[in-house]
Amino acid sequence: MTPTDGAQASHSASGRLPEALIIGAAKSATTSLFFRLIRHPGIFGGAGEGEEGASVTRSKDKEVCFFSDDHNYEKGLKWYSDHFTKAQPDQLCIEASTNYTRWPQLPATPERIARHIPNARLIYLVRHPVDRAYSHYVHRYTRELHPGRPILASFEEHILVDPMCIDSSLYMRQIERYLEHFPRSALHVVLTSDLKRQPEDTLTGVCKFLDIDPAGLNLGEQSARESNESSALRASKTRGAITGPLSRIPVVGSLARRMPQSWKDRAYAILAKTRYGRKAAQSFTPPPLTPQVRAKYLKFFEGPNAELAKFLGRDLPEWSV
């Protein structure tokens, strides 16, 4: 089914609006799901635009963050609808912004979506809450709050001043905010583990929720961009930390810029093994989640996990370890 078959494409006075939104959760494979879906010829993912985004979080490839971030919402529906002007009439428009499940930090999102897209179809990915919170902490610290700087705070130290990482793993709290404005049928919850282990069945379920023919899916291998590999980013930051100070030395930097890439790679491999290189790399490696801290938060999430399991009508045994 296409937006012109029964379920009409969403429009405002300003233009085309998306019919479906991936609302989170962050670090739960939203990037993977988004890029897999927009391979489908019946789905349009919006025009990428290069503006650096919200102070909370932003991926310029997929996250418009219109309904969540005040400075974007104030730009108006015309700015938002311009992202979808290149969609064909028979395509379903979709966008993915993990800021859309950031209550209480960004509290107005569900109301705004309901006001402008009352028939929106909402896709919510959820991951093991402790694993997700830890990944979110690493992302927040290294890419949003302190980009390019060594990691100086542990997970527990970080969440004392930035509780978003924990709040965003309280999935039923986020869901309940949406159910104040949308019917249960408007929400499709996907487990990240299902997407990883049964991608074809899971994506077929998403397509059926969107009234899109699953036959158009392309289940080919993901690129690094689609999988949103944070390890690649950390490797880049580490390399910059090791080579940056040397490249700023006038003579050394000038010579380095003229070297073939293969020579640069060899020089970096040697530097990385030195005491200086190991120290720089260690500074960009996040402190691990200790068994004691993990046990503490497994206990913390027991009740919320039980609520979600009841809501979904399925057990979540893997989330207890």
C-alpha atoms as a PDB file:
ATOM      1  CA  MET A   1       0.000   0.000   0.000  1.00  0.00           C
ATOM      2  CA  THR A   2       1.163   3.538  -0.731  1.00  0.00           C
ATOM      3  CA  PRO A   3       0.162   6.852   0.879  1.00  0.00           C
ATOM      4  CA  THR A   4      -2.227   7.461  -2.014  1.00  0.00           C
ATOM      5  CA  ASP A   5      -4.056   4.144  -1.470  1.00  0.00           C
ATOM      6  CA  GLY A   6      -6.500   4.807   1.337  1.00  0.00           C
ATOM      7  CA  ALA A   7      -3.995   6.328   3.768  1.00  0.00           C
ATOM      8  CA  GLN A   8      -3.484   9.735   2.213  1.00  0.00           C
ATOM      9  CA  ALA A   9      -0.111  11.410   2.247  1.00  0.00           C
ATOM     10  CA  SER A  10       0.252  13.869   5.102  1.00  0.00           C
ATOM     11  CA  HIS A  11       0.145  17.521   4.114  1.00  0.00           C
ATOM     12  CA  SER A  12       0.034  20.878   5.822  1.00  0.00           C
ATOM     13  CA  ALA A  13      -0.439  24.324   4.395  1.00  0.00           C
ATOM     14  CA  SER A  14       3.349  24.359   4.086  1.00  0.00           C
ATOM     15  CA  GLY A  15       3.699  21.081   2.171  1.00  0.00           C
ATOM     16  CA  ARG A  16       4.354  17.365   2.573  1.00  0.00           C
ATOM     17  CA  LEU A  17       4.866  15.891   6.032  1.00  0.00           C
ATOM     18  CA  PRO A  18       6.030  12.378   6.923  1.00  0.00           C
ATOM     19  CA  GLU A  19       3.489   9.645   7.572  1.00  0.00           C
ATOM     20  CA  ALA A  20       5.848   7.660   9.818  1.00  0.00           C
ATOM     21  CA  LEU A  21       8.442   8.486  12.455  1.00  0.00           C
ATOM     22  CA  ILE A  22      11.154   6.393  14.075  1.00  0.00           C
ATOM     23  CA  ILE A  23      11.106   7.933  17.550  1.00  0.00           C
ATOM     24  CA  GLY A  24      14.052   6.131  19.170  1.00  0.00           C
ATOM     25  CA  ALA A  25      15.507   4.870  21.345  1.00  0.00           C
ATOM     26  CA  ALA A  26      19.018   6.212  20.865  1.00  0.00           C
ATOM     27  CA  LYS A  27      21.753   3.582  20.460  1.00  0.00           C
ATOM     28  CA  SER A  28      19.146   0.935  19.651  1.00  0.00           C
ATOM     29  CA  ALA A  29      19.849   0.507  15.913  1.00  0.00           C
ATOM     30  CA  THR A  30      17.635   3.365  14.725  1.00  0.00           C
ATOM     31  CA  THR A  31      20.225   4.271  12.090  1.00  0.00           C
ATOM     32  CA  SER A  32      20.320   0.697  10.847  1.00  0.00           C
ATOM     33  CA  LEU A  33      16.533   0.473  10.644  1.00  0.00           C
ATOM     34  CA  PHE A  34      16.181   3.856   8.940  1.00  0.00           C
ATOM     35  CA  PHE A  35      18.667   3.159   6.170  1.00  0.00           C
ATOM     36  CA  ARG A  36      17.323  -0.329   5.603  1.00  0.00           C
ATOM     37  CA  LEU A  37      13.811   1.036   5.224  1.00  0.00           C
ATOM     38  CA  ILE A  38      14.702   3.839   2.819  1.00  0.00           C
ATOM     39  CA  ARG A  39      16.226   1.301   0.449  1.00  0.00           C
ATOM     40  CA  HIS A  40      12.610   0.328  -0.197  1.00  0.00           C
ATOM     41  CA  PRO A  41      11.383   2.135  -3.338  1.00  0.00           C
ATOM     42  CA  GLY A  42       8.096   2.937  -1.636  1.00  0.00           C
ATOM     43  CA  ILE A  43       9.749   4.840   1.236  1.00  0.00           C
ATOM     44  CA  PHE A  44      11.351   8.281   1.136  1.00  0.00           C
ATOM     45  CA  GLY A  45      13.696   9.277   3.941  1.00  0.00           C
ATOM     46  CA  GLY A  46      13.951  13.016   3.441  1.00  0.00           C
ATOM     47  CA  ALA A  47      16.580  15.252   1.900  1.00  0.00           C
ATOM     48  CA  GLY A  48      19.818  15.268   3.861  1.00  0.00           C
ATOM     49  CA  GLU A  49      20.848  18.727   4.916  1.00  0.00           C
ATOM     50  CA  GLY A  50      24.168  19.750   6.352  1.00  0.00           C
ATOM     51  CA  GLU A  51      23.188  22.065   9.153  1.00  0.00           C
ATOM     52  CA  GLU A  52      24.746  21.102  12.437  1.00  0.00           C
ATOM     53  CA  GLY A  53      21.941  20.273  14.776  1.00  0.00           C
ATOM     54  CA  ALA A  54      20.604  20.145  18.254  1.00  0.00           C
ATOM     55  CA  SER A  55      22.594  20.482  21.443  1.00  0.00           C
ATOM     56  CA  VAL A  56      21.034  17.262  22.700  1.00  0.00           C
ATOM     57  CA  THR A  57      21.837  14.932  19.827  1.00  0.00           C
ATOM     58  CA  ARG A  58      21.919  15.027  16.079  1.00  0.00           C
ATOM     59  CA  SER A  59      22.795  12.912  13.061  1.00  0.00           C
ATOM     60  CA  LYS A  60      22.615  15.156  10.012  1.00  0.00           C
ATOM     61  CA  ASP A  61      21.986  12.092   7.846  1.00  0.00           C
ATOM     62  CA  LYS A  62      18.625  11.166   9.338  1.00  0.00           C
ATOM     63  CA  GLU A  63      17.655  13.215  12.395  1.00  0.00           C
ATOM     64  CA  VAL A  64      15.607  16.310  11.727  1.00  0.00           C
ATOM     65  CA  CYS A  65      14.617  16.724  15.397  1.00  0.00           C
ATOM     66  CA  PHE A  66      11.846  19.119  14.396  1.00  0.00           C
ATOM     67  CA  PHE A  67       9.260  18.243  17.034  1.00  0.00           C
ATOM     68  CA  SER A  68      11.709  17.865  19.903  1.00  0.00           C
ATOM     69  CA  ASP A  69      14.140  20.753  19.629  1.00  0.00           C
ATOM     70  CA  ASP A  70      12.720  24.212  20.190  1.00  0.00           C
ATOM     71  CA  HIS A  71      15.163  25.956  17.871  1.00  0.00           C
ATOM     72  CA  ASN A  72      14.086  23.634  15.023  1.00  0.00           C
ATOM     73  CA  TYR A  73      10.373  23.809  15.811  1.00  0.00           C
ATOM     74  CA  GLU A  74      10.538  27.583  15.714  1.00  0.00           C
ATOM     75  CA  LYS A  75      11.678  27.388  12.083  1.00  0.00           C
ATOM     76  CA  GLY A  76       8.137  26.320  11.208  1.00  0.00           C
ATOM     77  CA  LEU A  77       6.447  23.598   9.199  1.00  0.00           C
ATOM     78  CA  LYS A  78       7.733  24.971   5.898  1.00  0.00           C
ATOM     79  CA  TRP A  79      11.309  24.281   6.985  1.00  0.00           C
ATOM     80  CA  TYR A  80      10.311  20.783   8.068  1.00  0.00           C
ATOM     81  CA  SER A  81       8.233  19.953   5.001  1.00  0.00           C
ATOM     82  CA  ASP A  82      11.068  21.063   2.728  1.00  0.00           C
ATOM     83  CA  HIS A  83      12.865  17.864   3.759  1.00  0.00           C
ATOM     84  CA  PHE A  84      10.230  15.851   1.913  1.00  0.00           C
ATOM     85  CA  THR A  85       9.572  17.898  -1.233  1.00  0.00           C
ATOM     86  CA  LYS A  86      11.428  15.398  -3.431  1.00  0.00           C
ATOM     87  CA  ALA A  87       9.225  12.478  -2.398  1.00  0.00           C
ATOM     88  CA  GLN A  88       7.099  10.891  -5.096  1.00  0.00           C
ATOM     89  CA  PRO A  89       3.308  10.973  -4.556  1.00  0.00           C
ATOM     90  CA  ASP A  90       3.213   7.198  -4.146  1.00  0.00           C
ATOM     91  CA  GLN A  91       6.032   7.091  -1.577  1.00  0.00           C
ATOM     92  CA  LEU A  92       5.603   7.023   2.183  1.00  0.00           C
ATOM     93  CA  CYS A  93       7.751   9.648   3.919  1.00  0.00           C
ATOM     94  CA  ILE A  94       9.638   8.738   7.076  1.00  0.00           C
ATOM     95  CA  GLU A  95      12.182  10.371   9.342  1.00  0.00           C
ATOM     96  CA  ALA A  96      14.080   9.159  12.385  1.00  0.00           C
ATOM     97  CA  SER A  97      14.953  11.363  15.369  1.00  0.00           C
ATOM     98  CA  THR A  98      15.955   9.745  18.644  1.00  0.00           C
ATOM     99  CA  ASN A  99      15.299  13.050  20.394  1.00  0.00           C
ATOM    100  CA  TYR A 100      11.617  12.177  20.097  1.00  0.00           C
ATOM    101  CA  THR A 101      11.906   9.907  23.159  1.00  0.00           C
ATOM    102  CA  ARG A 102      13.732  12.274  25.479  1.00  0.00           C
ATOM    103  CA  TRP A 103      11.191  12.842  28.222  1.00  0.00           C
ATOM    104  CA  PRO A 104      11.567  14.691  30.573  1.00  0.00           C
ATOM    105  CA  GLN A 105      14.465  16.538  28.923  1.00  0.00           C
ATOM    106  CA  LEU A 106      12.405  17.359  25.806  1.00  0.00           C
ATOM    107  CA  PRO A 107       8.832  17.142  27.087  1.00  0.00           C
ATOM    108  CA  ALA A 108       6.742  18.714  24.302  1.00  0.00           C
ATOM    109  CA  THR A 109       7.473  16.222  21.520  1.00  0.00           C
ATOM    110  CA  PRO A 110       4.384  13.931  21.590  1.00  0.00           C
ATOM    111  CA  GLU A 111       1.970  16.888  21.720  1.00  0.00           C
ATOM    112  CA  ARG A 112       3.670  18.574  18.772  1.00  0.00           C
ATOM    113  CA  ILE A 113       3.619  15.431  16.638  1.00  0.00           C
ATOM    114  CA  ALA A 114      -0.055  14.828  17.452  1.00  0.00           C
ATOM    115  CA  ARG A 115      -0.897  18.434  16.590  1.00  0.00           C
ATOM    116  CA  HIS A 116       0.676  18.332  13.144  1.00  0.00           C
ATOM    117  CA  ILE A 117       0.589  14.623  12.173  1.00  0.00           C
ATOM    118  CA  PRO A 118      -2.341  13.166  14.137  1.00  0.00           C
ATOM    119  CA  ASN A 119      -2.324   9.955  12.078  1.00  0.00           C
ATOM    120  CA  ALA A 120       1.413   9.374  12.396  1.00  0.00           C
ATOM    121  CA  ARG A 121       2.715   5.838  12.604  1.00  0.00           C
ATOM    122  CA  LEU A 122       5.375   5.600  15.291  1.00  0.00           C
ATOM    123  CA  ILE A 123       8.206   3.043  15.385  1.00  0.00           C
ATOM    124  CA  TYR A 124      10.083   2.649  18.672  1.00  0.00           C
ATOM    125  CA  LEU A 125      13.174   0.465  18.971  1.00  0.00           C
ATOM    126  CA  VAL A 126      14.145  -0.729  22.442  1.00  0.00           C
ATOM    127  CA  ARG A 127      17.371  -2.376  23.532  1.00  0.00           C
ATOM    128  CA  HIS A 128      18.615  -3.962  26.756  1.00  0.00           C
ATOM    129  CA  PRO A 129      18.247  -0.889  29.003  1.00  0.00           C
ATOM    130  CA  VAL A 130      21.629  -1.112  30.736  1.00  0.00           C
ATOM    131  CA  ASP A 131      23.564  -1.781  27.539  1.00  0.00           C
ATOM    132  CA  ARG A 132      21.718   1.039  25.813  1.00  0.00           C
ATOM    133  CA  ALA A 133      22.315   3.486  28.666  1.00  0.00           C
ATOM    134  CA  TYR A 134      26.041   2.722  28.671  1.00  0.00           C
ATOM    135  CA  SER A 135      26.288   3.164  24.889  1.00  0.00           C
ATOM    136  CA  HIS A 136      24.346   6.399  25.211  1.00  0.00           C
ATOM    137  CA  TYR A 137      26.780   7.638  27.862  1.00  0.00           C
ATOM    138  CA  VAL A 138      29.738   7.001  25.535  1.00  0.00           C
ATOM    139  CA  HIS A 139      27.955   8.740  22.666  1.00  0.00           C
ATOM    140  CA  ARG A 140      26.853  11.700  24.775  1.00  0.00           C
ATOM    141  CA  TYR A 141      30.288  12.231  26.267  1.00  0.00           C
ATOM    142  CA  THR A 142      32.403  11.769  23.136  1.00  0.00           C
ATOM    143  CA  ARG A 143      30.166  13.175  20.394  1.00  0.00           C
ATOM    144  CA  GLU A 144      27.814  15.697  21.973  1.00  0.00           C
ATOM    145  CA  LEU A 145      29.130  17.133  25.217  1.00  0.00           C
ATOM    146  CA  HIS A 146      32.932  16.833  24.956  1.00  0.00           C
ATOM    147  CA  PRO A 147      33.826  16.040  21.337  1.00  0.00           C
ATOM    148  CA  GLY A 148      37.499  15.407  20.735  1.00  0.00           C
ATOM    149  CA  ARG A 149      38.322  15.314  24.436  1.00  0.00           C
ATOM    150  CA  PRO A 150      39.484  12.402  26.573  1.00  0.00           C
ATOM    151  CA  ILE A 151      36.846  10.585  28.621  1.00  0.00           C
ATOM    152  CA  LEU A 152      37.293  11.728  32.213  1.00  0.00           C
ATOM    153  CA  ALA A 153      34.034  10.531  33.818  1.00  0.00           C
ATOM    154  CA  SER A 154      32.780   7.005  34.438  1.00  0.00           C
ATOM    155  CA  PHE A 155      29.232   5.968  33.588  1.00  0.00           C
ATOM    156  CA  GLU A 156      28.013   6.555  37.153  1.00  0.00           C
ATOM    157  CA  GLU A 157      29.787   9.897  37.414  1.00  0.00           C
ATOM    158  CA  HIS A 158      28.325  11.008  34.113  1.00  0.00           C
ATOM    159  CA  ILE A 159      24.681  10.167  34.841  1.00  0.00           C
ATOM    160  CA  LEU A 160      24.803  12.146  38.081  1.00  0.00           C
ATOM    161  CA  VAL A 161      25.016  15.310  35.993  1.00  0.00           C
ATOM    162  CA  ASP A 162      23.333  14.001  32.828  1.00  0.00           C
ATOM    163  CA  PRO A 163      20.481  11.594  33.692  1.00  0.00           C
ATOM    164  CA  MET A 164      19.252  11.463  30.083  1.00  0.00           C
ATOM    165  CA  CYS A 165      21.087   8.184  29.534  1.00  0.00           C
ATOM    166  CA  ILE A 166      19.012   6.507  32.253  1.00  0.00           C
ATOM    167  CA  ASP A 167      15.735   8.299  31.473  1.00  0.00           C
ATOM    168  CA  SER A 168      15.894   7.194  27.845  1.00  0.00           C
ATOM    169  CA  SER A 169      16.019   3.541  28.934  1.00  0.00           C
ATOM    170  CA  LEU A 170      12.763   3.887  30.885  1.00  0.00           C
ATOM    171  CA  TYR A 171      10.813   2.795  27.852  1.00  0.00           C
ATOM    172  CA  MET A 172       7.329   2.622  29.315  1.00  0.00           C
ATOM    173  CA  ARG A 173       7.690   6.163  30.627  1.00  0.00           C
ATOM    174  CA  GLN A 174       8.374   7.306  27.066  1.00  0.00           C
ATOM    175  CA  ILE A 175       5.565   5.154  25.626  1.00  0.00           C
ATOM    176  CA  GLU A 176       3.031   6.432  28.124  1.00  0.00           C
ATOM    177  CA  ARG A 177       3.676   9.996  27.009  1.00  0.00           C
ATOM    178  CA  TYR A 178       2.759   9.027  23.438  1.00  0.00           C
ATOM    179  CA  LEU A 179      -0.308   7.058  24.482  1.00  0.00           C
ATOM    180  CA  GLU A 180      -1.711  10.278  25.927  1.00  0.00           C
ATOM    181  CA  HIS A 181      -1.983  11.519  22.329  1.00  0.00           C
ATOM    182  CA  PHE A 182      -2.061   8.445  20.064  1.00  0.00           C
ATOM    183  CA  PRO A 183      -3.932   5.135  20.050  1.00  0.00           C
ATOM    184  CA  ARG A 184      -2.034   1.936  20.806  1.00  0.00           C
ATOM    185  CA  SER A 185      -2.413   0.923  17.159  1.00  0.00           C
ATOM    186  CA  ALA A 186      -0.247   3.890  16.118  1.00  0.00           C
ATOM    187  CA  LEU A 187       2.806   2.505  17.933  1.00  0.00           C
ATOM    188  CA  HIS A 188       5.007  -0.380  16.740  1.00  0.00           C
ATOM    189  CA  VAL A 189       7.678  -1.467  19.224  1.00  0.00           C
ATOM    190  CA  VAL A 190      10.714  -3.348  17.892  1.00  0.00           C
ATOM    191  CA  LEU A 191      13.381  -5.055  19.980  1.00  0.00           C
ATOM    192  CA  THR A 192      16.911  -4.393  18.756  1.00  0.00           C
ATOM    193  CA  SER A 193      17.740  -8.034  19.398  1.00  0.00           C
ATOM    194  CA  ASP A 194      14.934  -9.100  17.043  1.00  0.00           C
ATOM    195  CA  LEU A 195      16.240  -6.788  14.322  1.00  0.00           C
ATOM    196  CA  LYS A 196      19.701  -8.297  14.717  1.00  0.00           C
ATOM    197  CA  ARG A 197      18.718 -11.970  14.895  1.00  0.00           C
ATOM    198  CA  GLN A 198      15.652 -12.070  12.647  1.00  0.00           C
ATOM    199  CA  PRO A 199      16.106  -9.071  10.343  1.00  0.00           C
ATOM    200  CA  GLU A 200      13.834 -10.329   7.574  1.00  0.00           C
ATOM    201  CA  ASP A 201      10.911 -11.169   9.862  1.00  0.00           C
ATOM    202  CA  THR A 202      11.364  -7.966  11.862  1.00  0.00           C
ATOM    203  CA  LEU A 203      11.562  -5.704   8.811  1.00  0.00           C
ATOM    204  CA  THR A 204       8.581  -7.473   7.279  1.00  0.00           C
ATOM    205  CA  GLY A 205       6.637  -6.668  10.443  1.00  0.00           C
ATOM    206  CA  VAL A 206       7.635  -3.014  10.195  1.00  0.00           C
ATOM    207  CA  CYS A 207       6.575  -2.868   6.540  1.00  0.00           C
ATOM    208  CA  LYS A 208       3.205  -4.374   7.371  1.00  0.00           C
ATOM    209  CA  PHE A 209       2.757  -1.792  10.113  1.00  0.00           C
ATOM    210  CA  LEU A 210       3.506   0.901   7.531  1.00  0.00           C
ATOM    211  CA  ASP A 211       1.218  -0.700   4.926  1.00  0.00           C
ATOM    212  CA  ILE A 212       4.206  -1.091   2.611  1.00  0.00           C
ATOM    213  CA  ASP A 213       4.832  -4.231   0.539  1.00  0.00           C
ATOM    214  CA  PRO A 214       7.752  -6.115   2.176  1.00  0.00           C
ATOM    215  CA  ALA A 215       8.785  -7.413  -1.247  1.00  0.00           C
ATOM    216  CA  GLY A 216      10.586  -4.121  -1.827  1.00  0.00           C
ATOM    217  CA  LEU A 217      13.014  -4.686   1.028  1.00  0.00           C
ATOM    218  CA  ASN A 218      16.738  -4.966   0.323  1.00  0.00           C
ATOM    219  CA  LEU A 219      18.413  -7.009   3.042  1.00  0.00           C
ATOM    220  CA  GLY A 220      21.942  -6.607   1.756  1.00  0.00           C
ATOM    221  CA  GLU A 221      24.988  -5.996   3.915  1.00  0.00           C
ATOM    222  CA  GLN A 222      25.021  -2.777   5.895  1.00  0.00           C
ATOM    223  CA  SER A 223      27.575  -0.073   5.426  1.00  0.00           C
ATOM    224  CA  ALA A 224      29.416   1.526   8.336  1.00  0.00           C
ATOM    225  CA  ARG A 225      27.198   4.584   7.860  1.00  0.00           C
ATOM    226  CA  GLU A 226      24.071   2.476   8.296  1.00  0.00           C
ATOM    227  CA  SER A 227      25.312   0.650  11.367  1.00  0.00           C
ATOM    228  CA  ASN A 228      26.529   3.904  12.941  1.00  0.00           C
ATOM    229  CA  GLU A 229      29.781   2.358  14.162  1.00  0.00           C
ATOM    230  CA  SER A 230      31.005   4.331  17.176  1.00  0.00           C
ATOM    231  CA  SER A 231      34.196   2.248  17.187  1.00  0.00           C
ATOM    232  CA  ALA A 232      35.217   3.820  13.869  1.00  0.00           C
ATOM    233  CA  LEU A 233      34.654   7.277  15.305  1.00  0.00           C
ATOM    234  CA  ARG A 234      36.728   6.498  18.402  1.00  0.00           C
ATOM    235  CA  ALA A 235      39.520   5.166  16.182  1.00  0.00           C
ATOM    236  CA  SER A 236      39.474   8.433  14.245  1.00  0.00           C
ATOM    237  CA  LYS A 237      39.535  10.504  17.445  1.00  0.00           C
ATOM    238  CA  THR A 238      42.386   8.393  18.808  1.00  0.00           C
ATOM    239  CA  ARG A 239      44.411   8.831  15.650  1.00  0.00           C
ATOM    240  CA  GLY A 240      43.832  12.565  15.781  1.00  0.00           C
ATOM    241  CA  ALA A 241      44.944  12.700  19.413  1.00  0.00           C
ATOM    242  CA  ILE A 242      48.178  10.869  18.583  1.00  0.00           C
ATOM    243  CA  THR A 243      49.100  12.642  15.371  1.00  0.00           C
ATOM    244  CA  GLY A 244      47.541  16.061  15.965  1.00  0.00           C
ATOM    245  CA  PRO A 245      50.241  17.553  18.222  1.00  0.00           C
ATOM    246  CA  LEU A 246      52.975  16.364  15.853  1.00  0.00           C
ATOM    247  CA  SER A 247      51.236  17.717  12.752  1.00  0.00           C
ATOM    248  CA  ARG A 248      51.146  21.171  14.331  1.00  0.00           C
ATOM    249  CA  ILE A 249      54.963  21.320  14.463  1.00  0.00           C
ATOM    250  CA  PRO A 250      55.784  23.471  11.393  1.00  0.00           C
ATOM    251  CA  VAL A 251      58.423  21.312   9.678  1.00  0.00           C
ATOM    252  CA  VAL A 252      57.003  17.956  10.764  1.00  0.00           C
ATOM    253  CA  GLY A 253      53.457  18.913   9.829  1.00  0.00           C
ATOM    254  CA  SER A 254      54.515  20.150   6.398  1.00  0.00           C
ATOM    255  CA  LEU A 255      56.379  16.915   5.670  1.00  0.00           C
ATOM    256  CA  ALA A 256      53.509  14.760   6.973  1.00  0.00           C
ATOM    257  CA  ARG A 257      50.961  16.435   4.697  1.00  0.00           C
ATOM    258  CA  ARG A 258      53.102  15.557   1.654  1.00  0.00           C
ATOM    259  CA  MET A 259      53.561  11.919   2.600  1.00  0.00           C
ATOM    260  CA  PRO A 260      51.627   9.205   0.717  1.00  0.00           C
ATOM    261  CA  GLN A 261      48.729   7.790   2.744  1.00  0.00           C
ATOM    262  CA  SER A 262      50.454   4.413   3.056  1.00  0.00           C
ATOM    263  CA  TRP A 263      53.463   6.098   4.689  1.00  0.00           C
ATOM    264  CA  LYS A 264      51.178   7.978   7.059  1.00  0.00           C
ATOM    265  CA  ASP A 265      49.487   4.724   8.030  1.00  0.00           C
ATOM    266  CA  ARG A 266      52.830   3.053   8.747  1.00  0.00           C
ATOM    267  CA  ALA A 267      54.017   6.002  10.804  1.00  0.00           C
ATOM    268  CA  TYR A 268      50.770   5.982  12.775  1.00  0.00           C
ATOM    269  CA  ALA A 269      51.057   2.238  13.434  1.00  0.00           C
ATOM    270  CA  ILE A 270      54.500   2.811  14.915  1.00  0.00           C
ATOM    271  CA  LEU A 271      53.401   5.796  16.998  1.00  0.00           C
ATOM    272  CA  ALA A 272      50.358   3.915  18.317  1.00  0.00           C
ATOM    273  CA  LYS A 273      52.629   1.280  19.870  1.00  0.00           C
ATOM    274  CA  THR A 274      54.727   3.792  21.771  1.00  0.00           C
ATOM    275  CA  ARG A 275      54.033   4.802  25.363  1.00  0.00           C
ATOM    276  CA  TYR A 276      52.798   8.151  24.081  1.00  0.00           C
ATOM    277  CA  GLY A 277      50.432   6.464  21.648  1.00  0.00           C
ATOM    278  CA  ARG A 278      49.072   3.971  24.185  1.00  0.00           C
ATOM    279  CA  LYS A 279      48.378   6.762  26.657  1.00  0.00           C
ATOM    280  CA  ALA A 280      46.515   8.805  24.042  1.00  0.00           C
ATOM    281  CA  ALA A 281      44.445   5.775  23.003  1.00  0.00           C
ATOM    282  CA  GLN A 282      43.583   4.955  26.595  1.00  0.00           C
ATOM    283  CA  SER A 283      42.261   8.453  27.184  1.00  0.00           C
ATOM    284  CA  PHE A 284      39.614   7.881  24.487  1.00  0.00           C
ATOM    285  CA  THR A 285      38.597   4.450  25.740  1.00  0.00           C
ATOM    286  CA  PRO A 286      35.469   4.671  27.935  1.00  0.00           C
ATOM    287  CA  PRO A 287      35.754   3.249  31.445  1.00  0.00           C
ATOM    288  CA  PRO A 288      34.096  -0.184  31.394  1.00  0.00           C
ATOM    289  CA  LEU A 289      30.829  -0.877  33.132  1.00  0.00           C
ATOM    290  CA  THR A 290      31.944  -2.801  36.225  1.00  0.00           C
ATOM    291  CA  PRO A 291      30.015  -5.913  37.348  1.00  0.00           C
ATOM    292  CA  GLN A 292      28.932  -4.070  40.481  1.00  0.00           C
ATOM    293  CA  VAL A 293      27.522  -1.092  38.587  1.00  0.00           C
ATOM    294  CA  ARG A 294      25.861  -3.359  36.051  1.00  0.00           C
ATOM    295  CA  ALA A 295      24.181  -5.353  38.826  1.00  0.00           C
ATOM    296  CA  LYS A 296      22.976  -2.129  40.433  1.00  0.00           C
ATOM    297  CA  TYR A 297      21.227  -0.954  37.264  1.00  0.00           C
ATOM    298  CA  LEU A 298      19.886  -4.378  36.365  1.00  0.00           C
ATOM    299  CA  LYS A 299      18.092  -4.171  39.697  1.00  0.00           C
ATOM    300  CA  PHE A 300      16.971  -0.609  39.013  1.00  0.00           C
ATOM    301  CA  PHE A 301      15.356  -1.593  35.709  1.00  0.00           C
ATOM    302  CA  GLU A 302      13.586  -4.727  36.984  1.00  0.00           C
ATOM    303  CA  GLY A 303      10.282  -2.968  37.567  1.00  0.00           C
ATOM    304  CA  PRO A 304      10.279  -0.887  34.371  1.00  0.00           C
ATOM    305  CA  ASN A 305      11.238  -3.968  32.340  1.00  0.00           C
ATOM    306  CA  ALA A 306       8.340  -5.916  33.824  1.00  0.00           C
ATOM    307  CA  GLU A 307       5.948  -3.115  32.834  1.00  0.00           C
ATOM    308  CA  LEU A 308       7.222  -3.156  29.260  1.00  0.00           C
ATOM    309  CA  ALA A 309       7.047  -6.947  29.064  1.00  0.00           C
ATOM    310  CA  LYS A 310       3.402  -6.796  30.136  1.00  0.00           C
ATOM    311  CA  PHE A 311       2.697  -4.072  27.588  1.00  0.00           C
ATOM    312  CA  LEU A 312       4.316  -6.098  24.790  1.00  0.00           C
ATOM    313  CA  GLY A 313       2.865  -9.420  25.920  1.00  0.00           C
ATOM    314  CA  ARG A 314       6.260 -11.138  25.851  1.00  0.00           C
ATOM    315  CA  ASP A 315       8.978 -12.004  28.324  1.00  0.00           C
ATOM    316  CA  LEU A 316      12.319 -10.194  28.252  1.00  0.00           C
ATOM    317  CA  PRO A 317      14.644 -12.708  29.978  1.00  0.00           C
ATOM    318  CA  GLU A 318      17.842 -11.391  28.360  1.00  0.00           C
ATOM    319  CA  TRP A 319      17.305  -8.036  30.006  1.00  0.00           C
ATOM    320  CA  SER A 320      17.859  -9.485  33.481  1.00  0.00           C
ATOM    321  CA  VAL A 321      21.561 -10.312  32.881  1.00  0.00           C
END
